[in-house]
Amino acid sequence: MIGLDWHGGGTIPQERAGAITFKGNPRTLTGPEVSVGKKAPEFTEVPTDLSKA
């Protein structure tokens, strides 16, 4: 994962503010931008109602 080292250990994931909109509101995505031909990073799938399944 791309991120910055911080005093708590591990990394702080890369954030991309305003990368998408959801219901007309800008949202921040966490992680590197995915582009054609690159392997997709690990991700968590959620139901369409955005609940935690």
N, C-alpha and C. Protein backbone atom coordinates (compact mmCIF):
# COMPACT_ATOMS: atom_id res chain seq x y z
N MET A 1 0.84 -1.17 0.00
CA MET A 1 0.00 0.00 0.00
C MET A 1 0.89 1.24 0.00
N ILE A 2 0.51 2.22 -0.75
CA ILE A 2 1.24 3.47 -0.78
C ILE A 2 0.77 4.32 0.40
N GLY A 3 1.69 4.90 1.12
CA GLY A 3 1.31 5.73 2.25
C GLY A 3 2.51 6.40 2.85
N LEU A 4 2.28 7.11 3.92
CA LEU A 4 3.34 7.81 4.62
C LEU A 4 3.57 7.13 5.97
N ASP A 5 4.85 6.98 6.36
CA ASP A 5 5.14 6.44 7.68
C ASP A 5 4.68 7.46 8.72
N TRP A 6 4.15 6.97 9.82
CA TRP A 6 3.75 7.86 10.89
C TRP A 6 4.17 7.28 12.22
N HIS A 7 4.13 8.08 13.27
CA HIS A 7 4.66 7.67 14.56
C HIS A 7 3.95 6.47 15.18
N GLY A 8 2.74 6.15 14.75
CA GLY A 8 2.00 5.02 15.30
C GLY A 8 2.39 3.69 14.67
N GLY A 9 3.29 3.72 13.71
CA GLY A 9 3.69 2.50 13.02
C GLY A 9 2.83 2.27 11.79
N GLY A 10 3.29 1.47 10.89
CA GLY A 10 2.55 1.19 9.67
C GLY A 10 2.55 2.38 8.73
N THR A 11 1.54 2.46 7.89
CA THR A 11 1.46 3.56 6.95
C THR A 11 0.08 4.20 6.99
N ILE A 12 0.04 5.46 6.62
CA ILE A 12 -1.21 6.16 6.42
C ILE A 12 -1.51 6.04 4.93
N PRO A 13 -2.63 5.43 4.55
CA PRO A 13 -2.91 5.25 3.12
C PRO A 13 -3.02 6.58 2.38
N GLN A 14 -2.65 6.55 1.10
CA GLN A 14 -2.76 7.72 0.24
C GLN A 14 -4.22 8.10 0.09
N GLU A 15 -4.57 9.37 0.27
CA GLU A 15 -5.94 9.84 0.10
C GLU A 15 -6.02 10.74 -1.13
N ARG A 16 -7.12 10.61 -1.88
CA ARG A 16 -7.35 11.43 -3.07
C ARG A 16 -8.68 12.15 -2.91
N ALA A 17 -8.63 13.34 -2.31
CA ALA A 17 -9.85 14.12 -2.04
C ALA A 17 -10.56 14.50 -3.33
N GLY A 18 -11.87 14.35 -3.33
CA GLY A 18 -12.68 14.74 -4.47
C GLY A 18 -12.49 13.89 -5.71
N ALA A 19 -11.94 12.70 -5.56
CA ALA A 19 -11.67 11.84 -6.72
C ALA A 19 -12.95 11.37 -7.41
N ILE A 20 -14.04 11.26 -6.64
CA ILE A 20 -15.33 10.86 -7.20
C ILE A 20 -16.42 11.70 -6.56
N THR A 21 -17.64 11.59 -7.11
CA THR A 21 -18.80 12.17 -6.45
C THR A 21 -19.79 11.04 -6.17
N PHE A 22 -20.51 11.17 -5.07
CA PHE A 22 -21.53 10.21 -4.68
C PHE A 22 -22.76 11.01 -4.31
N LYS A 23 -23.84 10.80 -5.05
CA LYS A 23 -25.07 11.58 -4.88
C LYS A 23 -24.78 13.07 -4.94
N GLY A 24 -23.88 13.46 -5.85
CA GLY A 24 -23.56 14.86 -6.08
C GLY A 24 -22.56 15.47 -5.13
N ASN A 25 -22.07 14.70 -4.18
CA ASN A 25 -21.11 15.22 -3.19
C ASN A 25 -19.73 14.62 -3.44
N PRO A 26 -18.69 15.47 -3.42
CA PRO A 26 -17.33 14.94 -3.61
C PRO A 26 -16.94 14.01 -2.47
N ARG A 27 -16.23 12.96 -2.81
CA ARG A 27 -15.77 11.97 -1.82
C ARG A 27 -14.29 11.72 -1.98
N THR A 28 -13.67 11.33 -0.89
CA THR A 28 -12.25 11.01 -0.88
C THR A 28 -12.07 9.52 -1.03
N LEU A 29 -11.19 9.11 -1.93
CA LEU A 29 -10.83 7.71 -2.08
C LEU A 29 -9.49 7.48 -1.41
N THR A 30 -9.32 6.31 -0.84
CA THR A 30 -8.07 5.95 -0.18
C THR A 30 -7.34 4.91 -1.00
N GLY A 31 -6.07 5.13 -1.25
CA GLY A 31 -5.26 4.19 -2.01
C GLY A 31 -4.82 4.78 -3.33
N PRO A 32 -3.91 4.10 -3.99
CA PRO A 32 -3.39 4.62 -5.26
C PRO A 32 -4.43 4.56 -6.37
N GLU A 33 -4.31 5.46 -7.33
CA GLU A 33 -5.22 5.47 -8.47
C GLU A 33 -4.96 4.23 -9.33
N VAL A 34 -6.03 3.58 -9.75
CA VAL A 34 -5.93 2.39 -10.60
C VAL A 34 -5.95 2.84 -12.05
N SER A 35 -5.08 2.28 -12.87
CA SER A 35 -5.07 2.60 -14.28
C SER A 35 -5.06 1.32 -15.11
N VAL A 36 -5.41 1.45 -16.36
CA VAL A 36 -5.50 0.31 -17.27
C VAL A 36 -4.15 -0.41 -17.32
N GLY A 37 -4.20 -1.73 -17.19
CA GLY A 37 -3.01 -2.55 -17.29
C GLY A 37 -2.32 -2.83 -15.97
N LYS A 38 -2.73 -2.14 -14.90
CA LYS A 38 -2.14 -2.39 -13.59
C LYS A 38 -3.00 -3.37 -12.81
N LYS A 39 -2.35 -4.14 -11.94
CA LYS A 39 -3.07 -5.08 -11.08
C LYS A 39 -3.90 -4.28 -10.08
N ALA A 40 -5.14 -4.67 -9.90
CA ALA A 40 -6.00 -3.98 -8.94
C ALA A 40 -5.53 -4.25 -7.52
N PRO A 41 -5.58 -3.24 -6.66
CA PRO A 41 -5.18 -3.45 -5.26
C PRO A 41 -6.25 -4.24 -4.52
N GLU A 42 -5.92 -4.74 -3.33
CA GLU A 42 -6.92 -5.40 -2.51
C GLU A 42 -8.00 -4.39 -2.17
N PHE A 43 -9.24 -4.86 -2.03
CA PHE A 43 -10.34 -3.97 -1.70
C PHE A 43 -11.39 -4.73 -0.93
N THR A 44 -12.30 -4.00 -0.31
CA THR A 44 -13.41 -4.60 0.42
C THR A 44 -14.69 -4.28 -0.32
N GLU A 45 -15.43 -5.30 -0.63
CA GLU A 45 -16.71 -5.14 -1.33
C GLU A 45 -17.80 -4.89 -0.30
N VAL A 46 -18.72 -3.96 -0.58
CA VAL A 46 -19.83 -3.68 0.31
C VAL A 46 -21.14 -3.76 -0.48
N PRO A 47 -22.25 -4.05 0.21
CA PRO A 47 -23.54 -4.10 -0.47
C PRO A 47 -23.92 -2.71 -1.04
N THR A 48 -24.86 -2.70 -1.98
CA THR A 48 -25.25 -1.44 -2.63
C THR A 48 -25.84 -0.43 -1.65
N ASP A 49 -26.36 -0.88 -0.51
CA ASP A 49 -26.90 0.07 0.48
C ASP A 49 -25.78 0.59 1.41
N LEU A 50 -24.53 0.20 1.13
CA LEU A 50 -23.33 0.62 1.86
C LEU A 50 -23.29 0.15 3.31
N SER A 51 -24.13 -0.84 3.66
CA SER A 51 -24.07 -1.40 5.00
C SER A 51 -22.85 -2.30 5.13
N LYS A 52 -22.47 -2.59 6.34
CA LYS A 52 -21.35 -3.52 6.56
C LYS A 52 -21.94 -4.92 6.64
N ALA A 53 -21.67 -5.71 5.64
CA ALA A 53 -22.25 -7.06 5.58
C ALA A 53 -21.52 -8.00 6.51
